[in-house]
Amino acid sequence: MSYVQEQQKKLMIERLQNNAELLIEDINDIIHALQVASGNATGVGKIKGILQYLEQMPIHIITANGEQVIKDKFELSKFIQTLDKYIDFTIDRDFKDYF
């Protein structure tokens, strides 16, 4: 794992430990980072942090329509795919340690 991925993972875990909520804007920023080559390490690190946190506790994603509770890595993957059908980290080599 790259330094950037490790730092972003650590920051995301700390954030979720303080408050297990993410805004939909946070998720959209992560998706954007995954789509842009220069931001990929940031997006991967944040997703890894979320995946690691999900091993212990669910997270709440706050959307304009309310709240979406994500209880496991498969629900997270499905949620991300509703926003970008081309992102499937269940088969991505960057996330092979989680799936």
PDB file of N, CA and C in Angstrom:
ATOM      1  N   MET A   1       0.847  -1.172   0.000  1.00  0.00           N
ATOM      2  CA  MET A   1       0.000   0.000   0.000  1.00  0.00           C
ATOM      3  C   MET A   1       0.891   1.233   0.000  1.00  0.00           C
ATOM      4  N   SER A   2       0.547   2.198  -0.816  1.00  0.00           N
ATOM      5  CA  SER A   2       1.347   3.416  -0.910  1.00  0.00           C
ATOM      6  C   SER A   2       1.171   4.270   0.346  1.00  0.00           C
ATOM      7  N   TYR A   3       2.077   5.211   0.513  1.00  0.00           N
ATOM      8  CA  TYR A   3       2.016   6.125   1.660  1.00  0.00           C
ATOM      9  C   TYR A   3       0.702   6.904   1.658  1.00  0.00           C
ATOM     10  N   VAL A   4       0.306   7.401   0.501  1.00  0.00           N
ATOM     11  CA  VAL A   4      -0.935   8.177   0.403  1.00  0.00           C
ATOM     12  C   VAL A   4      -2.131   7.312   0.791  1.00  0.00           C
ATOM     13  N   GLN A   5      -2.178   6.083   0.278  1.00  0.00           N
ATOM     14  CA  GLN A   5      -3.277   5.182   0.625  1.00  0.00           C
ATOM     15  C   GLN A   5      -3.313   4.932   2.127  1.00  0.00           C
ATOM     16  N   GLU A   6      -2.158   4.665   2.709  1.00  0.00           N
ATOM     17  CA  GLU A   6      -2.077   4.380   4.146  1.00  0.00           C
ATOM     18  C   GLU A   6      -2.559   5.574   4.970  1.00  0.00           C
ATOM     19  N   GLN A   7      -2.138   6.773   4.600  1.00  0.00           N
ATOM     20  CA  GLN A   7      -2.547   7.971   5.343  1.00  0.00           C
ATOM     21  C   GLN A   7      -4.045   8.236   5.189  1.00  0.00           C
ATOM     22  N   GLN A   8      -4.567   8.092   3.983  1.00  0.00           N
ATOM     23  CA  GLN A   8      -5.993   8.325   3.757  1.00  0.00           C
ATOM     24  C   GLN A   8      -6.837   7.283   4.485  1.00  0.00           C
ATOM     25  N   LYS A   9      -6.359   6.049   4.509  1.00  0.00           N
ATOM     26  CA  LYS A   9      -7.047   4.987   5.242  1.00  0.00           C
ATOM     27  C   LYS A   9      -7.098   5.335   6.724  1.00  0.00           C
ATOM     28  N   LYS A  10      -5.972   5.730   7.273  1.00  0.00           N
ATOM     29  CA  LYS A  10      -5.885   6.080   8.695  1.00  0.00           C
ATOM     30  C   LYS A  10      -6.815   7.247   9.024  1.00  0.00           C
ATOM     31  N   LEU A  11      -6.798   8.284   8.196  1.00  0.00           N
ATOM     32  CA  LEU A  11      -7.659   9.448   8.427  1.00  0.00           C
ATOM     33  C   LEU A  11      -9.141   9.082   8.356  1.00  0.00           C
ATOM     34  N   MET A  12      -9.500   8.221   7.422  1.00  0.00           N
ATOM     35  CA  MET A  12     -10.900   7.820   7.291  1.00  0.00           C
ATOM     36  C   MET A  12     -11.347   7.012   8.500  1.00  0.00           C
ATOM     37  N   ILE A  13     -10.513   6.106   8.975  1.00  0.00           N
ATOM     38  CA  ILE A  13     -10.863   5.313  10.158  1.00  0.00           C
ATOM     39  C   ILE A  13     -11.051   6.231  11.363  1.00  0.00           C
ATOM     40  N   GLU A  14     -10.134   7.181  11.550  1.00  0.00           N
ATOM     41  CA  GLU A  14     -10.249   8.123  12.667  1.00  0.00           C
ATOM     42  C   GLU A  14     -11.543   8.924  12.565  1.00  0.00           C
ATOM     43  N   ARG A  15     -11.857   9.366  11.374  1.00  0.00           N
ATOM     44  CA  ARG A  15     -13.084  10.146  11.178  1.00  0.00           C
ATOM     45  C   ARG A  15     -14.318   9.324  11.522  1.00  0.00           C
ATOM     46  N   LEU A  16     -14.356   8.080  11.057  1.00  0.00           N
ATOM     47  CA  LEU A  16     -15.513   7.231  11.319  1.00  0.00           C
ATOM     48  C   LEU A  16     -15.610   6.847  12.790  1.00  0.00           C
ATOM     49  N   GLN A  17     -14.477   6.711  13.469  1.00  0.00           N
ATOM     50  CA  GLN A  17     -14.509   6.401  14.894  1.00  0.00           C
ATOM     51  C   GLN A  17     -15.090   7.563  15.693  1.00  0.00           C
ATOM     52  N   ASN A  18     -14.874   8.782  15.239  1.00  0.00           N
ATOM     53  CA  ASN A  18     -15.438   9.955  15.911  1.00  0.00           C
ATOM     54  C   ASN A  18     -16.922  10.123  15.619  1.00  0.00           C
ATOM     55  N   ASN A  19     -17.325   9.777  14.418  1.00  0.00           N
ATOM     56  CA  ASN A  19     -18.710   9.942  13.999  1.00  0.00           C
ATOM     57  C   ASN A  19     -18.930   9.017  12.811  1.00  0.00           C
ATOM     58  N   ALA A  20     -19.696   7.983  12.983  1.00  0.00           N
ATOM     59  CA  ALA A  20     -19.867   6.954  11.952  1.00  0.00           C
ATOM     60  C   ALA A  20     -20.793   7.409  10.834  1.00  0.00           C
ATOM     61  N   GLU A  21     -20.660   8.668  10.434  1.00  0.00           N
ATOM     62  CA  GLU A  21     -21.476   9.209   9.355  1.00  0.00           C
ATOM     63  C   GLU A  21     -20.599   9.800   8.261  1.00  0.00           C
ATOM     64  N   LEU A  22     -21.057   9.638   7.042  1.00  0.00           N
ATOM     65  CA  LEU A  22     -20.443  10.291   5.889  1.00  0.00           C
ATOM     66  C   LEU A  22     -21.546  10.974   5.104  1.00  0.00           C
ATOM     67  N   LEU A  23     -21.264  12.137   4.602  1.00  0.00           N
ATOM     68  CA  LEU A  23     -22.211  12.813   3.724  1.00  0.00           C
ATOM     69  C   LEU A  23     -22.093  12.224   2.325  1.00  0.00           C
ATOM     70  N   ILE A  24     -23.162  12.277   1.565  1.00  0.00           N
ATOM     71  CA  ILE A  24     -23.113  11.793   0.188  1.00  0.00           C
ATOM     72  C   ILE A  24     -22.043  12.541  -0.595  1.00  0.00           C
ATOM     73  N   GLU A  25     -21.800  13.792  -0.233  1.00  0.00           N
ATOM     74  CA  GLU A  25     -20.744  14.569  -0.890  1.00  0.00           C
ATOM     75  C   GLU A  25     -19.370  13.940  -0.655  1.00  0.00           C
ATOM     76  N   ASP A  26     -19.167  13.373   0.537  1.00  0.00           N
ATOM     77  CA  ASP A  26     -17.906  12.680   0.823  1.00  0.00           C
ATOM     78  C   ASP A  26     -17.739  11.473  -0.095  1.00  0.00           C
ATOM     79  N   ILE A  27     -18.814  10.723  -0.270  1.00  0.00           N
ATOM     80  CA  ILE A  27     -18.777   9.547  -1.147  1.00  0.00           C
ATOM     81  C   ILE A  27     -18.533   9.984  -2.586  1.00  0.00           C
ATOM     82  N   ASN A  28     -19.192  11.043  -3.009  1.00  0.00           N
ATOM     83  CA  ASN A  28     -18.972  11.545  -4.371  1.00  0.00           C
ATOM     84  C   ASN A  28     -17.532  12.004  -4.575  1.00  0.00           C
ATOM     85  N   ASP A  29     -16.935  12.627  -3.560  1.00  0.00           N
ATOM     86  CA  ASP A  29     -15.523  13.025  -3.651  1.00  0.00           C
ATOM     87  C   ASP A  29     -14.616  11.809  -3.795  1.00  0.00           C
ATOM     88  N   ILE A  30     -14.931  10.740  -3.067  1.00  0.00           N
ATOM     89  CA  ILE A  30     -14.138   9.509  -3.165  1.00  0.00           C
ATOM     90  C   ILE A  30     -14.271   8.916  -4.565  1.00  0.00           C
ATOM     91  N   ILE A  31     -15.487   8.868  -5.076  1.00  0.00           N
ATOM     92  CA  ILE A  31     -15.704   8.344  -6.432  1.00  0.00           C
ATOM     93  C   ILE A  31     -14.923   9.172  -7.445  1.00  0.00           C
ATOM     94  N   HIS A  32     -14.976  10.485  -7.303  1.00  0.00           N
ATOM     95  CA  HIS A  32     -14.223  11.351  -8.213  1.00  0.00           C
ATOM     96  C   HIS A  32     -12.726  11.044  -8.127  1.00  0.00           C
ATOM     97  N   ALA A  33     -12.219  10.860  -6.922  1.00  0.00           N
ATOM     98  CA  ALA A  33     -10.793  10.544  -6.755  1.00  0.00           C
ATOM     99  C   ALA A  33     -10.447   9.225  -7.436  1.00  0.00           C
ATOM    100  N   LEU A  34     -11.333   8.241  -7.352  1.00  0.00           N
ATOM    101  CA  LEU A  34     -11.081   6.954  -8.002  1.00  0.00           C
ATOM    102  C   LEU A  34     -11.073   7.079  -9.522  1.00  0.00           C
ATOM    103  N   GLN A  35     -11.832   8.023 -10.050  1.00  0.00           N
ATOM    104  CA  GLN A  35     -11.947   8.192 -11.496  1.00  0.00           C
ATOM    105  C   GLN A  35     -10.773   8.945 -12.110  1.00  0.00           C
ATOM    106  N   VAL A  36     -10.052   9.698 -11.297  1.00  0.00           N
ATOM    107  CA  VAL A  36      -8.955  10.536 -11.780  1.00  0.00           C
ATOM    108  C   VAL A  36      -7.638   9.880 -11.381  1.00  0.00           C
ATOM    109  N   ALA A  37      -6.770   9.672 -12.334  1.00  0.00           N
ATOM    110  CA  ALA A  37      -5.510   8.970 -12.059  1.00  0.00           C
ATOM    111  C   ALA A  37      -4.719   9.616 -10.932  1.00  0.00           C
ATOM    112  N   SER A  38      -4.670  10.937 -10.901  1.00  0.00           N
ATOM    113  CA  SER A  38      -3.865  11.614  -9.884  1.00  0.00           C
ATOM    114  C   SER A  38      -4.470  11.502  -8.491  1.00  0.00           C
ATOM    115  N   GLY A  39      -5.738  11.163  -8.391  1.00  0.00           N
ATOM    116  CA  GLY A  39      -6.381  11.048  -7.088  1.00  0.00           C
ATOM    117  C   GLY A  39      -6.690   9.631  -6.680  1.00  0.00           C
ATOM    118  N   ASN A  40      -6.306   8.669  -7.504  1.00  0.00           N
ATOM    119  CA  ASN A  40      -6.671   7.283  -7.253  1.00  0.00           C
ATOM    120  C   ASN A  40      -6.185   6.781  -5.903  1.00  0.00           C
ATOM    121  N   ALA A  41      -4.965   7.089  -5.524  1.00  0.00           N
ATOM    122  CA  ALA A  41      -4.433   6.608  -4.244  1.00  0.00           C
ATOM    123  C   ALA A  41      -5.245   7.157  -3.077  1.00  0.00           C
ATOM    124  N   THR A  42      -5.700   8.391  -3.196  1.00  0.00           N
ATOM    125  CA  THR A  42      -6.538   8.985  -2.152  1.00  0.00           C
ATOM    126  C   THR A  42      -7.858   8.232  -2.040  1.00  0.00           C
ATOM    127  N   GLY A  43      -8.507   7.997  -3.161  1.00  0.00           N
ATOM    128  CA  GLY A  43      -9.775   7.275  -3.162  1.00  0.00           C
ATOM    129  C   GLY A  43      -9.636   5.858  -2.651  1.00  0.00           C
ATOM    130  N   VAL A  44      -8.597   5.162  -3.085  1.00  0.00           N
ATOM    131  CA  VAL A  44      -8.363   3.788  -2.643  1.00  0.00           C
ATOM    132  C   VAL A  44      -8.127   3.758  -1.136  1.00  0.00           C
ATOM    133  N   GLY A  45      -7.318   4.678  -0.640  1.00  0.00           N
ATOM    134  CA  GLY A  45      -7.047   4.722   0.795  1.00  0.00           C
ATOM    135  C   GLY A  45      -8.309   4.964   1.607  1.00  0.00           C
ATOM    136  N   LYS A  46      -9.150   5.880   1.155  1.00  0.00           N
ATOM    137  CA  LYS A  46     -10.390   6.173   1.877  1.00  0.00           C
ATOM    138  C   LYS A  46     -11.334   4.977   1.865  1.00  0.00           C
ATOM    139  N   ILE A  47     -11.464   4.325   0.730  1.00  0.00           N
ATOM    140  CA  ILE A  47     -12.314   3.133   0.658  1.00  0.00           C
ATOM    141  C   ILE A  47     -11.771   2.044   1.576  1.00  0.00           C
ATOM    142  N   LYS A  48     -10.463   1.847   1.606  1.00  0.00           N
ATOM    143  CA  LYS A  48      -9.883   0.842   2.500  1.00  0.00           C
ATOM    144  C   LYS A  48     -10.183   1.171   3.955  1.00  0.00           C
ATOM    145  N   GLY A  49     -10.140   2.447   4.305  1.00  0.00           N
ATOM    146  CA  GLY A  49     -10.493   2.850   5.660  1.00  0.00           C
ATOM    147  C   GLY A  49     -11.943   2.532   5.987  1.00  0.00           C
ATOM    148  N   ILE A  50     -12.829   2.817   5.039  1.00  0.00           N
ATOM    149  CA  ILE A  50     -14.246   2.506   5.242  1.00  0.00           C
ATOM    150  C   ILE A  50     -14.438   1.001   5.374  1.00  0.00           C
ATOM    151  N   LEU A  51     -13.794   0.229   4.509  1.00  0.00           N
ATOM    152  CA  LEU A  51     -13.925  -1.230   4.564  1.00  0.00           C
ATOM    153  C   LEU A  51     -13.432  -1.782   5.899  1.00  0.00           C
ATOM    154  N   GLN A  52     -12.318  -1.272   6.374  1.00  0.00           N
ATOM    155  CA  GLN A  52     -11.794  -1.745   7.657  1.00  0.00           C
ATOM    156  C   GLN A  52     -12.749  -1.375   8.792  1.00  0.00           C
ATOM    157  N   TYR A  53     -13.291  -0.172   8.756  1.00  0.00           N
ATOM    158  CA  TYR A  53     -14.234   0.254   9.789  1.00  0.00           C
ATOM    159  C   TYR A  53     -15.491  -0.615   9.762  1.00  0.00           C
ATOM    160  N   LEU A  54     -15.957  -0.962   8.572  1.00  0.00           N
ATOM    161  CA  LEU A  54     -17.164  -1.781   8.440  1.00  0.00           C
ATOM    162  C   LEU A  54     -17.009  -3.172   9.043  1.00  0.00           C
ATOM    163  N   GLU A  55     -15.789  -3.625   9.244  1.00  0.00           N
ATOM    164  CA  GLU A  55     -15.583  -4.921   9.891  1.00  0.00           C
ATOM    165  C   GLU A  55     -16.051  -4.888  11.342  1.00  0.00           C
ATOM    166  N   GLN A  56     -16.152  -3.687  11.922  1.00  0.00           N
ATOM    167  CA  GLN A  56     -16.536  -3.542  13.325  1.00  0.00           C
ATOM    168  C   GLN A  56     -17.922  -2.939  13.507  1.00  0.00           C
ATOM    169  N   MET A  57     -18.229  -1.916  12.720  1.00  0.00           N
ATOM    170  CA  MET A  57     -19.452  -1.141  12.924  1.00  0.00           C
ATOM    171  C   MET A  57     -20.029  -0.697  11.580  1.00  0.00           C
ATOM    172  N   PRO A  58     -21.355  -0.494  11.533  1.00  0.00           N
ATOM    173  CA  PRO A  58     -21.953   0.065  10.316  1.00  0.00           C
ATOM    174  C   PRO A  58     -21.658   1.560  10.210  1.00  0.00           C
ATOM    175  N   ILE A  59     -21.830   2.094   9.021  1.00  0.00           N
ATOM    176  CA  ILE A  59     -21.710   3.538   8.824  1.00  0.00           C
ATOM    177  C   ILE A  59     -23.039   4.066   8.294  1.00  0.00           C
ATOM    178  N   HIS A  60     -23.228   5.348   8.466  1.00  0.00           N
ATOM    179  CA  HIS A  60     -24.441   6.011   8.005  1.00  0.00           C
ATOM    180  C   HIS A  60     -24.038   7.026   6.944  1.00  0.00           C
ATOM    181  N   ILE A  61     -24.653   6.923   5.785  1.00  0.00           N
ATOM    182  CA  ILE A  61     -24.400   7.879   4.713  1.00  0.00           C
ATOM    183  C   ILE A  61     -25.620   8.787   4.629  1.00  0.00           C
ATOM    184  N   ILE A  62     -25.365  10.067   4.823  1.00  0.00           N
ATOM    185  CA  ILE A  62     -26.438  11.049   4.831  1.00  0.00           C
ATOM    186  C   ILE A  62     -26.644  11.561   3.404  1.00  0.00           C
ATOM    187  N   THR A  63     -27.852  11.354   2.878  1.00  0.00           N
ATOM    188  CA  THR A  63     -28.189  11.797   1.528  1.00  0.00           C
ATOM    189  C   THR A  63     -29.315  12.827   1.603  1.00  0.00           C
ATOM    190  N   ALA A  64     -29.654  13.402   0.486  1.00  0.00           N
ATOM    191  CA  ALA A  64     -30.756  14.366   0.434  1.00  0.00           C
ATOM    192  C   ALA A  64     -32.082  13.707   0.807  1.00  0.00           C
ATOM    193  N   ASN A  65     -32.182  12.401   0.593  1.00  0.00           N
ATOM    194  CA  ASN A  65     -33.416  11.664   0.879  1.00  0.00           C
ATOM    195  C   ASN A  65     -33.437  11.031   2.261  1.00  0.00           C
ATOM    196  N   GLY A  66     -32.428  11.280   3.065  1.00  0.00           N
ATOM    197  CA  GLY A  66     -32.389  10.677   4.396  1.00  0.00           C
ATOM    198  C   GLY A  66     -31.051  10.029   4.668  1.00  0.00           C
ATOM    199  N   GLU A  67     -31.132   8.868   5.274  1.00  0.00           N
ATOM    200  CA  GLU A  67     -29.924   8.179   5.727  1.00  0.00           C
ATOM    201  C   GLU A  67     -29.891   6.755   5.191  1.00  0.00           C
ATOM    202  N   GLN A  68     -28.738   6.341   4.717  1.00  0.00           N
ATOM    203  CA  GLN A  68     -28.523   4.976   4.237  1.00  0.00           C
ATOM    204  C   GLN A  68     -27.549   4.308   5.201  1.00  0.00           C
ATOM    205  N   VAL A  69     -27.967   3.224   5.836  1.00  0.00           N
ATOM    206  CA  VAL A  69     -27.089   2.497   6.745  1.00  0.00           C
ATOM    207  C   VAL A  69     -26.380   1.411   5.949  1.00  0.00           C
ATOM    208  N   ILE A  70     -25.062   1.428   6.006  1.00  0.00           N
ATOM    209  CA  ILE A  70     -24.233   0.437   5.317  1.00  0.00           C
ATOM    210  C   ILE A  70     -23.649  -0.475   6.387  1.00  0.00           C
ATOM    211  N   LYS A  71     -23.991  -1.761   6.323  1.00  0.00           N
ATOM    212  CA  LYS A  71     -23.593  -2.694   7.373  1.00  0.00           C
ATOM    213  C   LYS A  71     -22.389  -3.548   7.024  1.00  0.00           C
ATOM    214  N   ASP A  72     -22.109  -3.711   5.739  1.00  0.00           N
ATOM    215  CA  ASP A  72     -20.970  -4.550   5.370  1.00  0.00           C
ATOM    216  C   ASP A  72     -20.375  -4.110   4.031  1.00  0.00           C
ATOM    217  N   LYS A  73     -19.286  -4.749   3.675  1.00  0.00           N
ATOM    218  CA  LYS A  73     -18.539  -4.366   2.474  1.00  0.00           C
ATOM    219  C   LYS A  73     -19.346  -4.566   1.190  1.00  0.00           C
ATOM    220  N   PHE A  74     -20.227  -5.547   1.180  1.00  0.00           N
ATOM    221  CA  PHE A  74     -21.021  -5.788  -0.021  1.00  0.00           C
ATOM    222  C   PHE A  74     -22.091  -4.714  -0.207  1.00  0.00           C
ATOM    223  N   GLU A  75     -22.679  -4.254   0.895  1.00  0.00           N
ATOM    224  CA  GLU A  75     -23.634  -3.147   0.808  1.00  0.00           C
ATOM    225  C   GLU A  75     -22.929  -1.876   0.340  1.00  0.00           C
ATOM    226  N   LEU A  76     -21.705  -1.655   0.828  1.00  0.00           N
ATOM    227  CA  LEU A  76     -20.940  -0.485   0.392  1.00  0.00           C
ATOM    228  C   LEU A  76     -20.666  -0.559  -1.107  1.00  0.00           C
ATOM    229  N   SER A  77     -20.237  -1.716  -1.567  1.00  0.00           N
ATOM    230  CA  SER A  77     -19.955  -1.891  -2.988  1.00  0.00           C
ATOM    231  C   SER A  77     -21.201  -1.628  -3.833  1.00  0.00           C
ATOM    232  N   LYS A  78     -22.324  -2.172  -3.406  1.00  0.00           N
ATOM    233  CA  LYS A  78     -23.577  -1.979  -4.133  1.00  0.00           C
ATOM    234  C   LYS A  78     -23.984  -0.502  -4.137  1.00  0.00           C
ATOM    235  N   PHE A  79     -23.809   0.175  -3.001  1.00  0.00           N
ATOM    236  CA  PHE A  79     -24.147   1.597  -2.914  1.00  0.00           C
ATOM    237  C   PHE A  79     -23.276   2.417  -3.862  1.00  0.00           C
ATOM    238  N   ILE A  80     -21.971   2.148  -3.857  1.00  0.00           N
ATOM    239  CA  ILE A  80     -21.052   2.871  -4.744  1.00  0.00           C
ATOM    240  C   ILE A  80     -21.444   2.641  -6.202  1.00  0.00           C
ATOM    241  N   GLN A  81     -21.845   1.413  -6.529  1.00  0.00           N
ATOM    242  CA  GLN A  81     -22.218   1.117  -7.913  1.00  0.00           C
ATOM    243  C   GLN A  81     -23.512   1.813  -8.336  1.00  0.00           C
ATOM    244  N   THR A  82     -24.352   2.217  -7.387  1.00  0.00           N
ATOM    245  CA  THR A  82     -25.527   3.010  -7.765  1.00  0.00           C
ATOM    246  C   THR A  82     -25.110   4.406  -8.204  1.00  0.00           C
ATOM    247  N   LEU A  83     -23.931   4.839  -7.762  1.00  0.00           N
ATOM    248  CA  LEU A  83     -23.424   6.160  -8.120  1.00  0.00           C
ATOM    249  C   LEU A  83     -22.505   6.115  -9.338  1.00  0.00           C
ATOM    250  N   ASP A  84     -21.778   5.011  -9.500  1.00  0.00           N
ATOM    251  CA  ASP A  84     -20.901   4.821 -10.663  1.00  0.00           C
ATOM    252  C   ASP A  84     -20.822   3.328 -10.957  1.00  0.00           C
ATOM    253  N   LYS A  85     -21.518   2.906 -11.993  1.00  0.00           N
ATOM    254  CA  LYS A  85     -21.618   1.475 -12.297  1.00  0.00           C
ATOM    255  C   LYS A  85     -20.291   0.836 -12.688  1.00  0.00           C
ATOM    256  N   TYR A  86     -19.285   1.642 -12.994  1.00  0.00           N
ATOM    257  CA  TYR A  86     -17.998   1.093 -13.416  1.00  0.00           C
ATOM    258  C   TYR A  86     -17.045   0.820 -12.255  1.00  0.00           C
ATOM    259  N   ILE A  87     -17.391   1.269 -11.070  1.00  0.00           N
ATOM    260  CA  ILE A  87     -16.532   1.028  -9.905  1.00  0.00           C
ATOM    261  C   ILE A  87     -17.040  -0.209  -9.176  1.00  0.00           C
ATOM    262  N   ASP A  88     -16.260  -1.261  -9.213  1.00  0.00           N
ATOM    263  CA  ASP A  88     -16.600  -2.504  -8.510  1.00  0.00           C
ATOM    264  C   ASP A  88     -15.368  -2.981  -7.767  1.00  0.00           C
ATOM    265  N   PHE A  89     -15.231  -2.558  -6.525  1.00  0.00           N
ATOM    266  CA  PHE A  89     -14.026  -2.941  -5.804  1.00  0.00           C
ATOM    267  C   PHE A  89     -14.093  -4.350  -5.242  1.00  0.00           C
ATOM    268  N   THR A  90     -15.202  -5.096  -5.480  1.00  0.00           N
ATOM    269  CA  THR A  90     -15.216  -6.507  -5.083  1.00  0.00           C
ATOM    270  C   THR A  90     -14.289  -7.324  -5.982  1.00  0.00           C
ATOM    271  N   ILE A  91     -13.993  -6.792  -7.181  1.00  0.00           N
ATOM    272  CA  ILE A  91     -13.101  -7.512  -8.097  1.00  0.00           C
ATOM    273  C   ILE A  91     -11.828  -6.731  -8.409  1.00  0.00           C
ATOM    274  N   ASP A  92     -11.667  -5.579  -7.799  1.00  0.00           N
ATOM    275  CA  ASP A  92     -10.503  -4.723  -8.046  1.00  0.00           C
ATOM    276  C   ASP A  92      -9.297  -5.243  -7.269  1.00  0.00           C
ATOM    277  N   ARG A  93      -8.154  -5.311  -7.905  1.00  0.00           N
ATOM    278  CA  ARG A  93      -6.953  -5.847  -7.249  1.00  0.00           C
ATOM    279  C   ARG A  93      -6.499  -5.014  -6.058  1.00  0.00           C
ATOM    280  N   ASP A  94      -6.829  -3.729  -6.039  1.00  0.00           N
ATOM    281  CA  ASP A  94      -6.462  -2.887  -4.901  1.00  0.00           C
ATOM    282  C   ASP A  94      -7.182  -3.294  -3.619  1.00  0.00           C
ATOM    283  N   PHE A  95      -8.289  -4.014  -3.751  1.00  0.00           N
ATOM    284  CA  PHE A  95      -9.094  -4.380  -2.587  1.00  0.00           C
ATOM    285  C   PHE A  95      -9.153  -5.888  -2.360  1.00  0.00           C
ATOM    286  N   LYS A  96      -8.241  -6.626  -2.970  1.00  0.00           N
ATOM    287  CA  LYS A  96      -8.288  -8.088  -2.877  1.00  0.00           C
ATOM    288  C   LYS A  96      -8.166  -8.586  -1.441  1.00  0.00           C
ATOM    289  N   ASP A  97      -7.532  -7.824  -0.552  1.00  0.00           N
ATOM    290  CA  ASP A  97      -7.405  -8.243   0.844  1.00  0.00           C
ATOM    291  C   ASP A  97      -8.730  -8.153   1.599  1.00  0.00           C
ATOM    292  N   TYR A  98      -9.703  -7.466   1.033  1.00  0.00           N
ATOM    293  CA  TYR A  98     -10.990  -7.277   1.700  1.00  0.00           C
ATOM    294  C   TYR A  98     -12.091  -8.178   1.147  1.00  0.00           C
ATOM    295  N   PHE A  99     -11.878  -8.734  -0.059  1.00  0.00           N
ATOM    296  CA  PHE A  99     -12.904  -9.571  -0.676  1.00  0.00           C
ATOM    297  C   PHE A  99     -12.349 -10.930  -1.047  1.00  0.00           C
TER     298      PHE A  99
END
